[in-house]
Amino acid sequence: MSIGRRYAQDAAARYLVDPLPYVKYSALCAAGRLHGRPRWPALRTALESAASDPTSVYEEGDIAMVAREILAGR
Protein backbone atom coordinates (compact mmCIF):
# COMPACT_ATOMS: atom_id res chain seq x y z
CA MET A 1 0.00 0.00 0.00
CA SER A 2 1.36 3.43 -0.86
CA ILE A 3 2.17 5.90 1.88
CA GLY A 4 -0.38 8.35 0.47
CA ARG A 5 -3.15 5.77 0.56
CA ARG A 6 -2.20 4.74 4.09
CA TYR A 7 -2.23 8.38 5.22
CA ALA A 8 -5.67 8.91 3.64
CA GLN A 9 -7.03 5.82 5.40
CA ASP A 10 -5.55 6.96 8.74
CA ALA A 11 -7.16 10.39 8.32
CA ALA A 12 -10.55 8.92 7.41
CA ALA A 13 -10.39 6.55 10.41
CA ARG A 14 -9.53 9.42 12.74
CA TYR A 15 -12.46 11.56 11.59
CA LEU A 16 -14.96 8.69 11.54
CA VAL A 17 -14.99 8.73 15.34
CA ASP A 18 -15.64 12.48 15.57
CA PRO A 19 -18.81 13.30 17.52
CA LEU A 20 -20.09 15.74 14.87
CA PRO A 21 -22.23 13.96 12.26
CA TYR A 22 -21.10 16.22 9.39
CA VAL A 23 -17.44 15.49 10.10
CA LYS A 24 -18.20 11.77 10.27
CA TYR A 25 -20.15 11.90 7.00
CA SER A 26 -17.31 13.78 5.28
CA ALA A 27 -14.89 11.07 6.46
CA LEU A 28 -17.23 8.46 4.97
CA CYS A 29 -17.18 10.30 1.66
CA ALA A 30 -13.37 10.31 1.73
CA ALA A 31 -13.24 6.62 2.66
CA GLY A 32 -15.63 5.82 -0.19
CA ARG A 33 -13.28 7.49 -2.68
CA LEU A 34 -10.45 5.11 -1.72
CA HIS A 35 -12.02 2.38 -3.90
CA GLY A 36 -12.50 -1.21 -2.91
CA ARG A 37 -12.86 -2.72 0.52
CA PRO A 38 -10.85 -1.00 3.23
CA ARG A 39 -7.87 -3.10 4.25
CA TRP A 40 -6.24 -0.83 6.82
CA PRO A 41 -7.29 -2.15 10.28
CA ALA A 42 -7.88 1.29 11.83
CA LEU A 43 -10.20 2.32 8.99
CA ARG A 44 -12.02 -1.01 9.00
CA THR A 45 -12.61 -0.76 12.77
CA ALA A 46 -13.88 2.83 12.46
CA LEU A 47 -16.22 1.84 9.61
CA GLU A 48 -17.57 -1.11 11.59
CA SER A 49 -18.31 1.26 14.46
CA ALA A 50 -19.99 3.77 12.12
CA ALA A 51 -22.11 0.96 10.65
CA SER A 52 -24.25 1.07 13.79
CA ASP A 53 -24.62 4.88 13.93
CA PRO A 54 -28.28 5.82 13.29
CA THR A 55 -27.55 9.50 12.59
CA SER A 56 -28.87 10.97 9.34
CA VAL A 57 -26.96 13.68 7.52
CA TYR A 58 -28.38 15.91 4.80
CA GLU A 59 -30.76 14.10 2.50
CA GLU A 60 -28.05 11.61 1.60
CA GLY A 61 -29.09 9.00 4.11
CA ASP A 62 -27.76 7.75 7.34
CA ILE A 63 -24.19 7.19 8.40
CA ALA A 64 -24.72 3.47 9.06
CA MET A 65 -25.99 2.82 5.53
CA VAL A 66 -23.02 4.53 3.90
CA ALA A 67 -20.53 2.77 6.21
CA ARG A 68 -22.05 -0.62 5.38
CA GLU A 69 -21.83 0.10 1.65
CA ILE A 70 -18.13 0.98 1.96
CA LEU A 71 -17.45 -2.16 4.00
CA ALA A 72 -19.16 -4.21 1.29
CA GLY A 73 -16.94 -2.62 -1.35
CA ARG A 74 -19.68 -0.79 -3.26
C-alpha atoms as a PDB file:
ATOM      1  CA  MET A   1       0.000   0.000   0.000  1.00  0.00           C
ATOM      2  CA  SER A   2       1.363   3.429  -0.858  1.00  0.00           C
ATOM      3  CA  ILE A   3       2.174   5.904   1.877  1.00  0.00           C
ATOM      4  CA  GLY A   4      -0.383   8.354   0.473  1.00  0.00           C
ATOM      5  CA  ARG A   5      -3.151   5.772   0.565  1.00  0.00           C
ATOM      6  CA  ARG A   6      -2.202   4.736   4.094  1.00  0.00           C
ATOM      7  CA  TYR A   7      -2.227   8.376   5.222  1.00  0.00           C
ATOM      8  CA  ALA A   8      -5.665   8.911   3.640  1.00  0.00           C
ATOM      9  CA  GLN A   9      -7.034   5.822   5.404  1.00  0.00           C
ATOM     10  CA  ASP A  10      -5.554   6.965   8.737  1.00  0.00           C
ATOM     11  CA  ALA A  11      -7.156  10.388   8.320  1.00  0.00           C
ATOM     12  CA  ALA A  12     -10.549   8.918   7.413  1.00  0.00           C
ATOM     13  CA  ALA A  13     -10.392   6.555  10.406  1.00  0.00           C
ATOM     14  CA  ARG A  14      -9.527   9.420  12.741  1.00  0.00           C
ATOM     15  CA  TYR A  15     -12.456  11.560  11.592  1.00  0.00           C
ATOM     16  CA  LEU A  16     -14.959   8.694  11.541  1.00  0.00           C
ATOM     17  CA  VAL A  17     -14.987   8.730  15.337  1.00  0.00           C
ATOM     18  CA  ASP A  18     -15.635  12.481  15.566  1.00  0.00           C
ATOM     19  CA  PRO A  19     -18.808  13.300  17.523  1.00  0.00           C
ATOM     20  CA  LEU A  20     -20.086  15.739  14.874  1.00  0.00           C
ATOM     21  CA  PRO A  21     -22.233  13.962  12.260  1.00  0.00           C
ATOM     22  CA  TYR A  22     -21.103  16.224   9.388  1.00  0.00           C
ATOM     23  CA  VAL A  23     -17.439  15.485  10.099  1.00  0.00           C
ATOM     24  CA  LYS A  24     -18.202  11.773  10.270  1.00  0.00           C
ATOM     25  CA  TYR A  25     -20.150  11.902   6.997  1.00  0.00           C
ATOM     26  CA  SER A  26     -17.312  13.778   5.282  1.00  0.00           C
ATOM     27  CA  ALA A  27     -14.888  11.075   6.457  1.00  0.00           C
ATOM     28  CA  LEU A  28     -17.228   8.460   4.972  1.00  0.00           C
ATOM     29  CA  CYS A  29     -17.179  10.303   1.656  1.00  0.00           C
ATOM     30  CA  ALA A  30     -13.372  10.312   1.726  1.00  0.00           C
ATOM     31  CA  ALA A  31     -13.241   6.620   2.657  1.00  0.00           C
ATOM     32  CA  GLY A  32     -15.629   5.821  -0.190  1.00  0.00           C
ATOM     33  CA  ARG A  33     -13.278   7.493  -2.679  1.00  0.00           C
ATOM     34  CA  LEU A  34     -10.453   5.109  -1.718  1.00  0.00           C
ATOM     35  CA  HIS A  35     -12.022   2.381  -3.896  1.00  0.00           C
ATOM     36  CA  GLY A  36     -12.503  -1.205  -2.910  1.00  0.00           C
ATOM     37  CA  ARG A  37     -12.864  -2.722   0.516  1.00  0.00           C
ATOM     38  CA  PRO A  38     -10.851  -1.001   3.231  1.00  0.00           C
ATOM     39  CA  ARG A  39      -7.866  -3.105   4.251  1.00  0.00           C
ATOM     40  CA  TRP A  40      -6.241  -0.828   6.817  1.00  0.00           C
ATOM     41  CA  PRO A  41      -7.286  -2.154  10.282  1.00  0.00           C
ATOM     42  CA  ALA A  42      -7.878   1.287  11.830  1.00  0.00           C
ATOM     43  CA  LEU A  43     -10.197   2.316   8.994  1.00  0.00           C
ATOM     44  CA  ARG A  44     -12.018  -1.006   9.003  1.00  0.00           C
ATOM     45  CA  THR A  45     -12.610  -0.756  12.775  1.00  0.00           C
ATOM     46  CA  ALA A  46     -13.881   2.833  12.460  1.00  0.00           C
ATOM     47  CA  LEU A  47     -16.223   1.841   9.607  1.00  0.00           C
ATOM     48  CA  GLU A  48     -17.572  -1.106  11.589  1.00  0.00           C
ATOM     49  CA  SER A  49     -18.312   1.263  14.462  1.00  0.00           C
ATOM     50  CA  ALA A  50     -19.987   3.771  12.122  1.00  0.00           C
ATOM     51  CA  ALA A  51     -22.112   0.965  10.645  1.00  0.00           C
ATOM     52  CA  SER A  52     -24.250   1.073  13.789  1.00  0.00           C
ATOM     53  CA  ASP A  53     -24.622   4.884  13.929  1.00  0.00           C
ATOM     54  CA  PRO A  54     -28.283   5.820  13.293  1.00  0.00           C
ATOM     55  CA  THR A  55     -27.545   9.504  12.586  1.00  0.00           C
ATOM     56  CA  SER A  56     -28.875  10.975   9.344  1.00  0.00           C
ATOM     57  CA  VAL A  57     -26.963  13.681   7.523  1.00  0.00           C
ATOM     58  CA  TYR A  58     -28.378  15.907   4.802  1.00  0.00           C
ATOM     59  CA  GLU A  59     -30.761  14.098   2.502  1.00  0.00           C
ATOM     60  CA  GLU A  60     -28.047  11.606   1.599  1.00  0.00           C
ATOM     61  CA  GLY A  61     -29.087   9.003   4.106  1.00  0.00           C
ATOM     62  CA  ASP A  62     -27.759   7.746   7.341  1.00  0.00           C
ATOM     63  CA  ILE A  63     -24.186   7.187   8.400  1.00  0.00           C
ATOM     64  CA  ALA A  64     -24.720   3.474   9.059  1.00  0.00           C
ATOM     65  CA  MET A  65     -25.990   2.823   5.535  1.00  0.00           C
ATOM     66  CA  VAL A  66     -23.019   4.525   3.898  1.00  0.00           C
ATOM     67  CA  ALA A  67     -20.533   2.769   6.205  1.00  0.00           C
ATOM     68  CA  ARG A  68     -22.051  -0.624   5.379  1.00  0.00           C
ATOM     69  CA  GLU A  69     -21.826   0.096   1.649  1.00  0.00           C
ATOM     70  CA  ILE A  70     -18.132   0.980   1.965  1.00  0.00           C
ATOM     71  CA  LEU A  71     -17.446  -2.156   4.000  1.00  0.00           C
ATOM     72  CA  ALA A  72     -19.162  -4.211   1.292  1.00  0.00           C
ATOM     73  CA  GLY A  73     -16.937  -2.619  -1.353  1.00  0.00           C
ATOM     74  CA  ARG A  74     -19.682  -0.793  -3.263  1.00  0.00           C
END
